[in-house]
Amino acid sequence: MLIEKIVAHASRDYAIIVDSSKIVGRLGEKAPVPVELVPEALATVSRAVEALGGAPELRMAKMKDGPVITDHGNFVLDVRFPAAFDPSLMERELMLIPGVMAHGIFTRPVTDLLVGWPDGRVEHTRKPKAD
């Protein structure tokens, strides 16, 4: 997530490529929101996320003991938020928590959306450029 955020911030256009299983009516509907944090901040970030109404759970590794470790040596919390949360507000609130490095809320306007479907079709939606 951290590298994705850096690349998105540096880019003029913002394209998202997903398979159709990622299409939802609201953020967090099918999967929790990932929050990347430095390991030393696990307790404080967890408490702060709970204060925002989230239910954090440390993501555990599948092929080894212990938590998932990102490429940068960080942990990932999977957070379930209430159905009525505002993604733009939550995006800002999460980044104000000391120890949070990145999260899976991307609110930057998308210029291109490509969705792959099981039948092999690809839907491409492009936002017109502003004059």
Foldseek 3Di string as FASTA:
>chain_A
DLVLVVVQVPDPAAEDEEAPVPDDPAPQPVFFKKWWFAPVCVVVLCVLCVVVAKHWDWAPDDPDGGGDADPVRITIIGIHHPPPDDLVVVQVSSVVRPGTNHIRRDDPDHQWYWYAYPVGDIDIDGDDDDD
